[in-house]
Amino acid sequence: MQPATAKVAYDERWQRILDCVALKQPARMPVVLYGMFWLARYGGLTYRELMHDYERNLEVCQRVLLDFDPDVTGPLVLITAMGRSLEALDFKQVQWPGHGVADDKPYQYLDREYMRPEEYDEFSFDPTGYYLRKYLPRVAGAFEGFDQLPSFPGLHYFRLVNGIRPFARPEVRQSFERLVKAAEEAERFFQTHVSFVKHATAHGYPLINGSTSAAPYDVIADYFRGATGMMKDMYRHKDKLHELLDKATKFLLSQTIESAKAAQHPIVFIPIHWAPDAFMSERQFREFWWPSFRQMMIGMIDAGLIPMPLWESDCTKRLEIIKDVPAGKCIYWFERTDMVKAFEVLGDTVALRGNLSPSMMTTGTPDDVDAAVKHLVDRVWNRGGSLILDTAFGIPDETPVHNVRAMFAAARKYAG
């Protein structure tokens, strides 16, 4: 039950975000509380404890929210407490604290080729079948028996009778048993997230986003072909790559809309991995990366959603290109791109989020943080910019707590 005073505060905070999206500067600059393993530092836990202990994780996330009094918060539990679920799935695409890396080390992504170049046609023809029998067994041990599932297209009429025999194989049955256990663990994990959301709502704090998505190019590069394979494909399998990007755009958009509606929250967080200036030429960006992502964002906007891509690293050379979206419909979160330049190019098109320097947050002083916030206020907010203040990619794990306090205090002092 949300008390009346909390509802008023919730509505005011949420309206500030919507005003920023619509390019209507609210009375004060909103500030986001978003962090991952920094929460362990704040709560006196190891990273592994934060990921595996639901009760302690929830307590820390609830406490930090009331301590810093943000305008909006990230889904803190959802991004920090999936350790047990990863273990139950026998997930293979990352290492995490206590599993492949030390208890106080962050995630380590494993860049590997999870789809072979000769499998493009198979994936394009039947993505669901490819997922079930090839991709999922490669990325999560709980699915390993699925490589023995039948090819479902063609199982019609009496063919269905003999076609289901693989489900009796011990390996397939074992996979289903493992998946049920993994799903039960994932449900416990998600209900802890629900408890956090209820706590935040009851105290008047909205979430900055309710769901996540990904860019089509990034999905194929990161989770299927790997970095080396994808870069070669732009030359060796150009036509097949374009075909798969078109296919991926459609099923990712459908899944994104479905997830956002289930979350009953319009803002969709989209971490962007392959758009930075240094990763490909402008010609390649225009040909391979931007068209599918723009199509996906337009589809999201048409569905009443608010895309919020996080443009990782430096994307200064992309600003004029990524400006080609409807005005007042998106939030662009920048990691290292000069925010003043971003405002000059994009200020009449999108709301901005970010982007206090990670090195300054981790090694600087509270005075340094104060000055950095004042710089953004003077150069962006006070010039009419719709700025949602945050760090470059959430609070860096090693940030001293007093620097986070300085960030919130400076925001209130200069734009509150």
Foldseek 3Di string as FASTA:
>chain_A
DADPVLQVLQVVLVVCVLCQLQLNHDQFFFAEFEDELLLCVVQVHFLQCCQDPLVSVLVSLLVVCVVLVGSAYALHLVRRHCVVLCVLQVFAQWAADPGPDHRRDGIGGDFDAQADPVCLVVCLVPVVLCCQQRRSVSGTVLSVLSVQQADPVPCDDPSVVVNGVSCPDPSNVSSVVSVVVSVVVVVVSVVSSVVSCVSCSNNNHHHPAQEEAEFLLCCCDRRHGGPVRSVVCVPVVVPSLVSSLVVSLVVRLVVQLVRRVVSVGQEYEYEYDQQAPPRDDPVCCVVRGPPSRQVSCVSSVVSVHEYEYEAEDENLVCLQVVLPHAASRYEYEYEPYDVLSSCVRNQRRGAYEDAAHQVCQQPNDLVSLLVVLLVCCVRAVVVSGSYHYAHRNHHDSRGDPVNVSSNSVSSVVRGD
